[in-house]
């Protein structure tokens, strides 16, 4: 991981503006997944927000990235940190 700082982004969810802080690497994956799925970034975040249940939004976004990366064949077991 190249950095440990958080970057904030703002998005409108259900008509309310909110900010989410994540590491830049997570934002890069989310941007890529939105493009792959033919969604805007805001559209992907809104979809995940609607599906997240009780998880905080930042946690739900991180878990989504982890799930997508693992479904693409990467596992933490395959990489030494």
Protein backbone atom coordinates (compact mmCIF):
# COMPACT_ATOMS: atom_id res chain seq x y z
CA UNK A 1 0.00 0.00 0.00
CA UNK A 2 1.48 3.30 -1.03
CA UNK A 3 -0.15 5.52 1.59
CA UNK A 4 -2.22 5.46 4.73
CA UNK A 5 -3.96 8.82 4.45
CA UNK A 6 -7.68 9.11 3.87
CA UNK A 7 -9.25 11.06 1.05
CA UNK A 8 -12.77 12.43 1.43
CA UNK A 9 -15.35 12.47 -1.33
CA UNK A 10 -18.83 13.89 -1.18
CA UNK A 11 -21.88 12.26 -2.73
CA UNK A 12 -25.64 12.82 -2.61
CA UNK A 13 -27.58 9.87 -1.23
CA UNK A 14 -31.37 10.02 -1.07
CA UNK A 15 -31.20 13.78 -1.52
CA UNK A 16 -28.71 14.32 1.31
CA UNK A 17 -25.08 15.27 0.83
CA UNK A 18 -22.61 13.11 2.75
CA UNK A 19 -18.83 12.71 2.84
CA UNK A 20 -16.94 9.45 3.00
CA UNK A 21 -13.26 9.06 3.84
CA UNK A 22 -11.36 6.14 2.33
CA UNK A 23 -7.80 5.36 1.32
CA UNK A 24 -7.01 6.41 -2.28
CA UNK A 25 -6.58 2.78 -3.32
CA UNK A 26 -10.21 2.03 -2.43
CA UNK A 27 -11.42 5.06 -4.41
CA UNK A 28 -9.42 3.88 -7.42
CA UNK A 29 -11.07 0.44 -7.28
CA UNK A 30 -14.54 1.94 -6.85
CA UNK A 31 -14.00 4.24 -9.84
CA UNK A 32 -12.88 1.26 -11.92
CA UNK A 33 -15.79 -0.94 -10.84
CA UNK A 34 -18.31 1.81 -11.60
CA UNK A 35 -16.86 2.16 -15.11
CA UNK A 36 -16.84 -1.62 -15.65
CA UNK A 37 -20.49 -1.81 -14.57
CA UNK A 38 -21.58 1.14 -16.73
CA UNK A 39 -22.49 3.24 -13.71
CA UNK A 40 -21.47 6.68 -12.58
CA UNK A 41 -19.44 6.78 -9.39
CA UNK A 42 -22.43 8.30 -7.58
CA UNK A 43 -24.68 5.58 -9.03
CA UNK A 44 -22.46 2.81 -7.68
CA UNK A 45 -22.25 4.41 -4.23
CA UNK A 46 -26.04 4.91 -4.16
CA UNK A 47 -26.55 1.23 -5.09
CA UNK A 48 -24.20 0.09 -2.34
CA UNK A 49 -25.78 2.50 0.15
CA UNK A 50 -29.20 0.99 -0.53
CA UNK A 51 -27.81 -2.54 0.03
CA UNK A 52 -25.54 -1.93 3.01
CA UNK A 53 -27.90 -2.72 5.88
CA UNK A 54 -26.42 -1.74 9.25
CA UNK A 55 -22.82 -1.29 8.09
CA UNK A 56 -21.38 2.24 8.04
CA UNK A 57 -21.04 3.44 4.44
CA UNK A 58 -17.22 3.53 4.49
CA UNK A 59 -17.13 -0.07 5.77
CA UNK A 60 -19.65 -1.18 3.16
CA UNK A 61 -17.55 0.38 0.39
CA UNK A 62 -14.36 -1.30 1.64
CA UNK A 63 -16.12 -4.67 1.93
CA UNK A 64 -17.50 -4.30 -1.60
CA UNK A 65 -14.02 -3.63 -2.98
CA UNK A 66 -12.66 -6.64 -1.11
CA UNK A 67 -15.46 -8.85 -2.44
CA UNK A 68 -14.93 -7.70 -6.04
CA UNK A 69 -11.16 -8.07 -5.88
CA UNK A 70 -11.47 -11.57 -4.40
CA UNK A 71 -14.06 -12.56 -7.02
CA UNK A 72 -11.52 -11.56 -9.68
CA UNK A 73 -9.20 -14.28 -8.35
CA UNK A 74 -7.08 -12.34 -5.88
CA UNK A 75 -6.91 -13.55 -2.30
CA UNK A 76 -4.92 -12.13 0.58
CA UNK A 77 -3.54 -15.66 1.00
CA UNK A 78 -1.81 -15.22 -2.37
CA UNK A 79 0.12 -12.14 -1.34
CA UNK A 80 2.57 -11.57 1.49
CA UNK A 81 2.32 -8.14 3.09
